[in-house]
């Protein structure tokens, strides 16, 4: 049975409180074993409303669990989607305070910055036409669930573990690079810790944008001009601690970095 509106609001409040208090909670399906994906995204919507009510601005969306490496790492079998806000957006080279995070991990991605709206059932060509430029990105994911253990509905309710993100490097028109074959090196304190190619994301990172556009269309929403879209982790997510410096080097797109203190 679907959750009612009071249950949805209560669970969004629970997740929000855990984020604000930098504390953990049990995955939602332990209490609500029938929690399904529509319920999860309804909770995510209520969570976003709470963010926006506090003054955050919606700046885009994130695709998650789009590579085989991430699906295996997290024990799930399909991608998911979340939102990005102004509070989550950090400048390239930013220093992030660990006391605001529970158990952060970092992954390398390619970000698409849209120059035109994108809606519904689209193609790779449509995505490229709608994209102003692509840049390398680092996403800091930070599931609030205890021991970083969760199922797909629980993590989507928690905004797909969204916490912080950075974009940087050299903005390039999407047709000026081969987005399927970009080599990616994720470094921790100057040493490579993960290597991959951009095709790890659904065989072409634009396919993640297509899947997101379809997901939003089913919910009566579209991608807008100006939206930043993270296409999902190309590499596995790497845990970080105080003093760690993370950098992603992406072929033809330059590098982007973040530090933790």
C-alpha atoms as a PDB file:
ATOM      1  CA  UNK A   1       0.000   0.000   0.000  1.00  0.00           C
ATOM      2  CA  UNK A   2       1.432   3.432  -0.927  1.00  0.00           C
ATOM      3  CA  UNK A   3       2.415   5.758   1.877  1.00  0.00           C
ATOM      4  CA  UNK A   4      -0.011   8.505   2.736  1.00  0.00           C
ATOM      5  CA  UNK A   5       0.917  12.183   2.703  1.00  0.00           C
ATOM      6  CA  UNK A   6       1.476  12.316   6.462  1.00  0.00           C
ATOM      7  CA  UNK A   7       3.886   9.372   6.322  1.00  0.00           C
ATOM      8  CA  UNK A   8       5.756  10.916   3.382  1.00  0.00           C
ATOM      9  CA  UNK A   9       6.187  14.227   5.211  1.00  0.00           C
ATOM     10  CA  UNK A  10       7.241  12.469   8.422  1.00  0.00           C
ATOM     11  CA  UNK A  11       9.922  10.430   6.639  1.00  0.00           C
ATOM     12  CA  UNK A  12      11.215  13.492   4.788  1.00  0.00           C
ATOM     13  CA  UNK A  13      11.441  15.281   8.136  1.00  0.00           C
ATOM     14  CA  UNK A  14      13.342  12.309   9.595  1.00  0.00           C
ATOM     15  CA  UNK A  15      15.919  12.361   6.784  1.00  0.00           C
ATOM     16  CA  UNK A  16      16.213  16.139   6.971  1.00  0.00           C
ATOM     17  CA  UNK A  17      16.779  16.013  10.732  1.00  0.00           C
ATOM     18  CA  UNK A  18      19.526  13.399  10.285  1.00  0.00           C
ATOM     19  CA  UNK A  19      21.251  15.594   7.715  1.00  0.00           C
ATOM     20  CA  UNK A  20      21.073  18.688   9.923  1.00  0.00           C
ATOM     21  CA  UNK A  21      22.278  16.805  13.003  1.00  0.00           C
ATOM     22  CA  UNK A  22      24.944  14.876  11.016  1.00  0.00           C
ATOM     23  CA  UNK A  23      23.595  11.637  12.428  1.00  0.00           C
ATOM     24  CA  UNK A  24      22.630   8.254  11.008  1.00  0.00           C
ATOM     25  CA  UNK A  25      19.282   6.535  10.682  1.00  0.00           C
ATOM     26  CA  UNK A  26      18.056   3.064   9.803  1.00  0.00           C
ATOM     27  CA  UNK A  27      16.999   2.370   6.239  1.00  0.00           C
ATOM     28  CA  UNK A  28      13.338   3.174   5.771  1.00  0.00           C
ATOM     29  CA  UNK A  29      12.355  -0.264   4.517  1.00  0.00           C
ATOM     30  CA  UNK A  30      13.014  -1.769   7.952  1.00  0.00           C
ATOM     31  CA  UNK A  31       9.959   0.121   9.201  1.00  0.00           C
ATOM     32  CA  UNK A  32       8.099   0.238   5.876  1.00  0.00           C
ATOM     33  CA  UNK A  33       8.983  -2.996   4.019  1.00  0.00           C
ATOM     34  CA  UNK A  34       6.557  -2.196   1.196  1.00  0.00           C
ATOM     35  CA  UNK A  35       8.189   1.157   0.446  1.00  0.00           C
ATOM     36  CA  UNK A  36       8.491   1.362  -3.344  1.00  0.00           C
ATOM     37  CA  UNK A  37      10.129   3.723  -5.793  1.00  0.00           C
ATOM     38  CA  UNK A  38       7.116   6.070  -6.219  1.00  0.00           C
ATOM     39  CA  UNK A  39       7.050   6.406  -2.421  1.00  0.00           C
ATOM     40  CA  UNK A  40      10.793   7.048  -2.399  1.00  0.00           C
ATOM     41  CA  UNK A  41      10.592   9.855  -4.935  1.00  0.00           C
ATOM     42  CA  UNK A  42       7.599  11.374  -3.148  1.00  0.00           C
ATOM     43  CA  UNK A  43       9.739  11.513   0.005  1.00  0.00           C
ATOM     44  CA  UNK A  44      12.573  13.028  -2.039  1.00  0.00           C
ATOM     45  CA  UNK A  45      10.181  15.692  -3.348  1.00  0.00           C
ATOM     46  CA  UNK A  46       9.130  16.537   0.208  1.00  0.00           C
ATOM     47  CA  UNK A  47      12.781  16.712   1.230  1.00  0.00           C
ATOM     48  CA  UNK A  48      13.529  19.106  -1.629  1.00  0.00           C
ATOM     49  CA  UNK A  49      10.598  21.301  -0.575  1.00  0.00           C
ATOM     50  CA  UNK A  50      12.147  21.562   2.883  1.00  0.00           C
ATOM     51  CA  UNK A  51      15.491  22.629   1.381  1.00  0.00           C
ATOM     52  CA  UNK A  52      13.888  25.259  -0.834  1.00  0.00           C
ATOM     53  CA  UNK A  53      11.826  26.607   2.064  1.00  0.00           C
ATOM     54  CA  UNK A  54      15.121  27.315   3.861  1.00  0.00           C
ATOM     55  CA  UNK A  55      16.427  29.374   0.948  1.00  0.00           C
ATOM     56  CA  UNK A  56      18.198  26.815  -1.247  1.00  0.00           C
ATOM     57  CA  UNK A  57      17.861  27.172  -5.012  1.00  0.00           C
ATOM     58  CA  UNK A  58      17.412  24.239  -7.367  1.00  0.00           C
ATOM     59  CA  UNK A  59      20.429  24.262  -9.737  1.00  0.00           C
ATOM     60  CA  UNK A  60      20.061  20.897 -11.447  1.00  0.00           C
ATOM     61  CA  UNK A  61      19.880  17.139 -11.026  1.00  0.00           C
ATOM     62  CA  UNK A  62      22.092  14.148 -10.400  1.00  0.00           C
ATOM     63  CA  UNK A  63      22.070  10.674 -11.851  1.00  0.00           C
ATOM     64  CA  UNK A  64      23.300   7.956  -9.541  1.00  0.00           C
ATOM     65  CA  UNK A  65      24.309   4.323  -9.769  1.00  0.00           C
ATOM     66  CA  UNK A  66      24.765   4.643 -13.526  1.00  0.00           C
ATOM     67  CA  UNK A  67      27.928   2.554 -13.802  1.00  0.00           C
ATOM     68  CA  UNK A  68      28.344  -1.154 -13.225  1.00  0.00           C
ATOM     69  CA  UNK A  69      31.074  -0.411 -10.663  1.00  0.00           C
ATOM     70  CA  UNK A  70      28.691   1.693  -8.574  1.00  0.00           C
ATOM     71  CA  UNK A  71      25.829  -0.808  -8.858  1.00  0.00           C
ATOM     72  CA  UNK A  72      28.097  -3.586  -7.610  1.00  0.00           C
ATOM     73  CA  UNK A  73      29.555  -1.392  -4.865  1.00  0.00           C
ATOM     74  CA  UNK A  74      26.100  -0.418  -3.582  1.00  0.00           C
ATOM     75  CA  UNK A  75      24.339  -3.730  -4.245  1.00  0.00           C
ATOM     76  CA  UNK A  76      21.600  -2.356  -6.522  1.00  0.00           C
ATOM     77  CA  UNK A  77      20.526  -3.144 -10.071  1.00  0.00           C
ATOM     78  CA  UNK A  78      19.199   0.118 -11.515  1.00  0.00           C
ATOM     79  CA  UNK A  79      20.102   3.813 -11.548  1.00  0.00           C
ATOM     80  CA  UNK A  80      18.377   6.507  -9.544  1.00  0.00           C
ATOM     81  CA  UNK A  81      18.008  10.264  -9.561  1.00  0.00           C
ATOM     82  CA  UNK A  82      18.248  13.211  -7.214  1.00  0.00           C
ATOM     83  CA  UNK A  83      18.364  16.996  -7.201  1.00  0.00           C
ATOM     84  CA  UNK A  84      21.154  19.554  -6.803  1.00  0.00           C
ATOM     85  CA  UNK A  85      20.828  22.794  -4.856  1.00  0.00           C
ATOM     86  CA  UNK A  86      22.916  25.907  -4.412  1.00  0.00           C
ATOM     87  CA  UNK A  87      23.971  24.786  -0.908  1.00  0.00           C
ATOM     88  CA  UNK A  88      25.474  21.590  -2.355  1.00  0.00           C
ATOM     89  CA  UNK A  89      27.517  23.435  -5.012  1.00  0.00           C
ATOM     90  CA  UNK A  90      31.148  24.092  -4.022  1.00  0.00           C
ATOM     91  CA  UNK A  91      33.749  26.016  -6.055  1.00  0.00           C
ATOM     92  CA  UNK A  92      36.592  24.113  -7.682  1.00  0.00           C
ATOM     93  CA  UNK A  93      39.327  23.565  -5.098  1.00  0.00           C
ATOM     94  CA  UNK A  94      36.947  24.151  -2.189  1.00  0.00           C
ATOM     95  CA  UNK A  95      37.692  23.052   1.357  1.00  0.00           C
ATOM     96  CA  UNK A  96      34.775  21.037   2.742  1.00  0.00           C
ATOM     97  CA  UNK A  97      34.213  20.682   6.473  1.00  0.00           C
ATOM     98  CA  UNK A  98      33.915  17.032   7.460  1.00  0.00           C
ATOM     99  CA  UNK A  99      31.896  17.858  10.566  1.00  0.00           C
ATOM    100  CA  UNK A 100      28.939  18.566   8.260  1.00  0.00           C
ATOM    101  CA  UNK A 101      29.082  15.054   6.745  1.00  0.00           C
ATOM    102  CA  UNK A 102      28.395  11.551   8.109  1.00  0.00           C
ATOM    103  CA  UNK A 103      30.591   9.219   6.042  1.00  0.00           C
ATOM    104  CA  UNK A 104      31.498  10.993   2.788  1.00  0.00           C
ATOM    105  CA  UNK A 105      32.808   9.369  -0.354  1.00  0.00           C
ATOM    106  CA  UNK A 106      33.940  10.955  -3.619  1.00  0.00           C
ATOM    107  CA  UNK A 107      33.426   9.869  -7.207  1.00  0.00           C
ATOM    108  CA  UNK A 108      34.455  11.298 -10.586  1.00  0.00           C
ATOM    109  CA  UNK A 109      31.808  12.292 -13.103  1.00  0.00           C
ATOM    110  CA  UNK A 110      31.113  14.267 -16.257  1.00  0.00           C
ATOM    111  CA  UNK A 111      28.669  17.150 -15.791  1.00  0.00           C
ATOM    112  CA  UNK A 112      26.397  18.457 -18.534  1.00  0.00           C
ATOM    113  CA  UNK A 113      25.380  22.133 -18.345  1.00  0.00           C
ATOM    114  CA  UNK A 114      22.290  22.673 -20.434  1.00  0.00           C
ATOM    115  CA  UNK A 115      21.735  25.609 -22.754  1.00  0.00           C
ATOM    116  CA  UNK A 116      18.219  24.602 -23.717  1.00  0.00           C
ATOM    117  CA  UNK A 117      15.350  22.638 -22.145  1.00  0.00           C
ATOM    118  CA  UNK A 118      15.250  18.869 -22.516  1.00  0.00           C
ATOM    119  CA  UNK A 119      12.083  16.892 -22.021  1.00  0.00           C
ATOM    120  CA  UNK A 120      10.658  13.419 -22.299  1.00  0.00           C
ATOM    121  CA  UNK A 121      11.792  10.765 -24.736  1.00  0.00           C
ATOM    122  CA  UNK A 122      14.985  12.168 -26.254  1.00  0.00           C
ATOM    123  CA  UNK A 123      18.078  10.838 -28.031  1.00  0.00           C
ATOM    124  CA  UNK A 124      21.826  11.260 -27.581  1.00  0.00           C
ATOM    125  CA  UNK A 125      21.704  13.829 -30.385  1.00  0.00           C
ATOM    126  CA  UNK A 126      18.987  15.732 -28.515  1.00  0.00           C
ATOM    127  CA  UNK A 127      21.097  15.723 -25.344  1.00  0.00           C
ATOM    128  CA  UNK A 128      24.150  17.019 -27.194  1.00  0.00           C
ATOM    129  CA  UNK A 129      22.075  19.696 -28.937  1.00  0.00           C
ATOM    130  CA  UNK A 130      20.616  20.868 -25.619  1.00  0.00           C
ATOM    131  CA  UNK A 131      23.985  20.911 -23.813  1.00  0.00           C
ATOM    132  CA  UNK A 132      25.910  24.175 -23.664  1.00  0.00           C
ATOM    133  CA  UNK A 133      29.085  22.507 -22.390  1.00  0.00           C
ATOM    134  CA  UNK A 134      30.482  19.544 -20.476  1.00  0.00           C
ATOM    135  CA  UNK A 135      32.974  19.687 -17.598  1.00  0.00           C
ATOM    136  CA  UNK A 136      34.612  17.286 -15.154  1.00  0.00           C
ATOM    137  CA  UNK A 137      32.943  16.979 -11.765  1.00  0.00           C
ATOM    138  CA  UNK A 138      33.473  15.490  -8.347  1.00  0.00           C
ATOM    139  CA  UNK A 139      30.449  14.460  -6.347  1.00  0.00           C
ATOM    140  CA  UNK A 140      30.583  14.001  -2.600  1.00  0.00           C
ATOM    141  CA  UNK A 141      27.998  11.410  -1.658  1.00  0.00           C
ATOM    142  CA  UNK A 142      27.036  10.968   1.976  1.00  0.00           C
ATOM    143  CA  UNK A 143      24.294   8.483   2.757  1.00  0.00           C
ATOM    144  CA  UNK A 144      22.738   9.145   6.119  1.00  0.00           C
ATOM    145  CA  UNK A 145      22.027   5.434   6.619  1.00  0.00           C
ATOM    146  CA  UNK A 146      24.004   3.614   9.281  1.00  0.00           C
ATOM    147  CA  UNK A 147      27.152   1.842   8.037  1.00  0.00           C
ATOM    148  CA  UNK A 148      26.447   3.099   4.489  1.00  0.00           C
ATOM    149  CA  UNK A 149      23.971   0.222   4.080  1.00  0.00           C
ATOM    150  CA  UNK A 150      20.733   0.816   2.217  1.00  0.00           C
ATOM    151  CA  UNK A 151      18.382  -0.388  -0.493  1.00  0.00           C
ATOM    152  CA  UNK A 152      17.323   1.520  -3.591  1.00  0.00           C
ATOM    153  CA  UNK A 153      14.058   3.027  -2.256  1.00  0.00           C
ATOM    154  CA  UNK A 154      15.726   4.165   0.970  1.00  0.00           C
ATOM    155  CA  UNK A 155      18.648   5.829  -0.803  1.00  0.00           C
ATOM    156  CA  UNK A 156      16.435   7.577  -3.373  1.00  0.00           C
ATOM    157  CA  UNK A 157      14.322   8.985  -0.541  1.00  0.00           C
ATOM    158  CA  UNK A 158      17.619  10.367   0.829  1.00  0.00           C
ATOM    159  CA  UNK A 159      18.190  12.268  -2.441  1.00  0.00           C
ATOM    160  CA  UNK A 160      20.447   9.547  -3.834  1.00  0.00           C
ATOM    161  CA  UNK A 161      23.018  10.323  -1.101  1.00  0.00           C
ATOM    162  CA  UNK A 162      23.523  13.838  -2.453  1.00  0.00           C
ATOM    163  CA  UNK A 163      25.760  16.063  -0.314  1.00  0.00           C
ATOM    164  CA  UNK A 164      28.204  18.287  -2.249  1.00  0.00           C
ATOM    165  CA  UNK A 165      29.519  18.642  -5.789  1.00  0.00           C
ATOM    166  CA  UNK A 166      32.198  20.552  -7.671  1.00  0.00           C
ATOM    167  CA  UNK A 167      32.518  21.299 -11.371  1.00  0.00           C
ATOM    168  CA  UNK A 168      35.617  22.747 -12.993  1.00  0.00           C
ATOM    169  CA  UNK A 169      38.228  21.998 -15.599  1.00  0.00           C
ATOM    170  CA  UNK A 170      37.868  23.275 -19.162  1.00  0.00           C
ATOM    171  CA  UNK A 171      34.276  23.676 -20.395  1.00  0.00           C
ATOM    172  CA  UNK A 172      33.979  22.079 -23.822  1.00  0.00           C
ATOM    173  CA  UNK A 173      31.122  21.909 -26.326  1.00  0.00           C
ATOM    174  CA  UNK A 174      29.795  18.353 -26.132  1.00  0.00           C
ATOM    175  CA  UNK A 175      30.462  17.559 -29.789  1.00  0.00           C
ATOM    176  CA  UNK A 176      34.105  18.669 -29.534  1.00  0.00           C
ATOM    177  CA  UNK A 177      35.081  15.581 -27.499  1.00  0.00           C
ATOM    178  CA  UNK A 178      34.273  11.897 -27.697  1.00  0.00           C
ATOM    179  CA  UNK A 179      32.142  11.618 -24.578  1.00  0.00           C
ATOM    180  CA  UNK A 180      32.111   7.832 -24.760  1.00  0.00           C
ATOM    181  CA  UNK A 181      35.877   7.286 -24.600  1.00  0.00           C
ATOM    182  CA  UNK A 182      37.123   9.878 -22.111  1.00  0.00           C
ATOM    183  CA  UNK A 183      39.780   8.497 -19.793  1.00  0.00           C
ATOM    184  CA  UNK A 184      39.243   9.337 -16.122  1.00  0.00           C
ATOM    185  CA  UNK A 185      41.732   9.199 -13.237  1.00  0.00           C
ATOM    186  CA  UNK A 186      40.540   9.787  -9.687  1.00  0.00           C
ATOM    187  CA  UNK A 187      43.391  10.751  -7.354  1.00  0.00           C
ATOM    188  CA  UNK A 188      43.559  10.800  -3.554  1.00  0.00           C
ATOM    189  CA  UNK A 189      46.398  12.853  -2.097  1.00  0.00           C
ATOM    190  CA  UNK A 190      48.192  12.754  -5.439  1.00  0.00           C
ATOM    191  CA  UNK A 191      47.991   8.990  -5.979  1.00  0.00           C
ATOM    192  CA  UNK A 192      45.606   7.349  -8.473  1.00  0.00           C
ATOM    193  CA  UNK A 193      42.888   5.356  -6.678  1.00  0.00           C
ATOM    194  CA  UNK A 194      40.480   4.664  -9.558  1.00  0.00           C
ATOM    195  CA  UNK A 195      40.773   4.495 -13.337  1.00  0.00           C
ATOM    196  CA  UNK A 196      37.917   4.231 -15.828  1.00  0.00           C
ATOM    197  CA  UNK A 197      36.516   5.421 -19.140  1.00  0.00           C
ATOM    198  CA  UNK A 198      33.357   7.473 -19.511  1.00  0.00           C
ATOM    199  CA  UNK A 199      31.605   4.628 -21.346  1.00  0.00           C
ATOM    200  CA  UNK A 200      31.311   3.008 -17.898  1.00  0.00           C
ATOM    201  CA  UNK A 201      28.253   5.243 -17.489  1.00  0.00           C
ATOM    202  CA  UNK A 202      25.539   3.437 -19.461  1.00  0.00           C
ATOM    203  CA  UNK A 203      27.857   3.043 -22.487  1.00  0.00           C
ATOM    204  CA  UNK A 204      27.712   6.834 -23.013  1.00  0.00           C
ATOM    205  CA  UNK A 205      27.095   9.440 -20.283  1.00  0.00           C
ATOM    206  CA  UNK A 206      24.420  11.092 -22.425  1.00  0.00           C
ATOM    207  CA  UNK A 207      22.342   7.935 -21.896  1.00  0.00           C
ATOM    208  CA  UNK A 208      22.138   8.859 -18.211  1.00  0.00           C
ATOM    209  CA  UNK A 209      20.732  12.260 -19.167  1.00  0.00           C
ATOM    210  CA  UNK A 210      18.166  10.538 -21.403  1.00  0.00           C
ATOM    211  CA  UNK A 211      17.094   8.279 -18.535  1.00  0.00           C
ATOM    212  CA  UNK A 212      16.804  11.304 -16.214  1.00  0.00           C
ATOM    213  CA  UNK A 213      14.691  13.216 -18.752  1.00  0.00           C
ATOM    214  CA  UNK A 214      12.322  10.248 -19.000  1.00  0.00           C
ATOM    215  CA  UNK A 215      12.164   9.943 -15.213  1.00  0.00           C
ATOM    216  CA  UNK A 216      11.300  13.623 -14.856  1.00  0.00           C
ATOM    217  CA  UNK A 217       8.737  13.479 -17.670  1.00  0.00           C
ATOM    218  CA  UNK A 218       6.928  10.662 -15.882  1.00  0.00           C
ATOM    219  CA  UNK A 219       6.694  13.003 -12.886  1.00  0.00           C
ATOM    220  CA  UNK A 220       5.511  16.007 -14.913  1.00  0.00           C
ATOM    221  CA  UNK A 221       8.868  17.814 -14.921  1.00  0.00           C
ATOM    222  CA  UNK A 222      11.561  18.732 -17.452  1.00  0.00           C
ATOM    223  CA  UNK A 223      15.200  19.722 -17.527  1.00  0.00           C
ATOM    224  CA  UNK A 224      15.627  23.481 -17.957  1.00  0.00           C
ATOM    225  CA  UNK A 225      18.205  25.680 -19.651  1.00  0.00           C
ATOM    226  CA  UNK A 226      20.957  26.370 -17.139  1.00  0.00           C
ATOM    227  CA  UNK A 227      20.531  23.105 -15.265  1.00  0.00           C
ATOM    228  CA  UNK A 228      23.684  21.299 -14.163  1.00  0.00           C
ATOM    229  CA  UNK A 229      23.308  17.541 -14.565  1.00  0.00           C
ATOM    230  CA  UNK A 230      25.750  15.074 -13.030  1.00  0.00           C
ATOM    231  CA  UNK A 231      25.730  11.956 -15.192  1.00  0.00           C
ATOM    232  CA  UNK A 232      26.803   9.558 -12.424  1.00  0.00           C
ATOM    233  CA  UNK A 233      29.994   8.124 -11.017  1.00  0.00           C
ATOM    234  CA  UNK A 234      32.381   6.808 -13.658  1.00  0.00           C
ATOM    235  CA  UNK A 235      34.522   5.321 -10.910  1.00  0.00           C
ATOM    236  CA  UNK A 236      33.639   3.682  -7.616  1.00  0.00           C
ATOM    237  CA  UNK A 237      33.170   6.068  -4.684  1.00  0.00           C
ATOM    238  CA  UNK A 238      36.275   6.536  -2.512  1.00  0.00           C
ATOM    239  CA  UNK A 239      35.964   7.217   1.256  1.00  0.00           C
ATOM    240  CA  UNK A 240      37.667  10.364   2.516  1.00  0.00           C
ATOM    241  CA  UNK A 241      38.946  11.643   5.863  1.00  0.00           C
ATOM    242  CA  UNK A 242      40.305  14.893   7.273  1.00  0.00           C
ATOM    243  CA  UNK A 243      43.215  16.239   5.221  1.00  0.00           C
ATOM    244  CA  UNK A 244      42.392  14.266   2.074  1.00  0.00           C
ATOM    245  CA  UNK A 245      42.747  16.025  -1.277  1.00  0.00           C
ATOM    246  CA  UNK A 246      40.729  14.564  -4.149  1.00  0.00           C
ATOM    247  CA  UNK A 247      41.262  15.352  -7.802  1.00  0.00           C
ATOM    248  CA  UNK A 248      39.652  14.022 -10.971  1.00  0.00           C
ATOM    249  CA  UNK A 249      41.543  14.261 -14.237  1.00  0.00           C
ATOM    250  CA  UNK A 250      39.336  13.800 -17.278  1.00  0.00           C
ATOM    251  CA  UNK A 251      40.806  13.454 -20.750  1.00  0.00           C
ATOM    252  CA  UNK A 252      40.251  16.614 -22.849  1.00  0.00           C
ATOM    253  CA  UNK A 253      38.282  18.294 -20.025  1.00  0.00           C
ATOM    254  CA  UNK A 254      41.010  19.099 -17.504  1.00  0.00           C
ATOM    255  CA  UNK A 255      40.776  18.498 -13.768  1.00  0.00           C
ATOM    256  CA  UNK A 256      38.674  19.403 -10.750  1.00  0.00           C
ATOM    257  CA  UNK A 257      39.517  19.101  -7.072  1.00  0.00           C
ATOM    258  CA  UNK A 258      38.240  19.310  -3.502  1.00  0.00           C
ATOM    259  CA  UNK A 259      39.855  19.099  -0.052  1.00  0.00           C
ATOM    260  CA  UNK A 260      38.460  17.892   3.270  1.00  0.00           C
ATOM    261  CA  UNK A 261      39.224  19.347   6.691  1.00  0.00           C
END
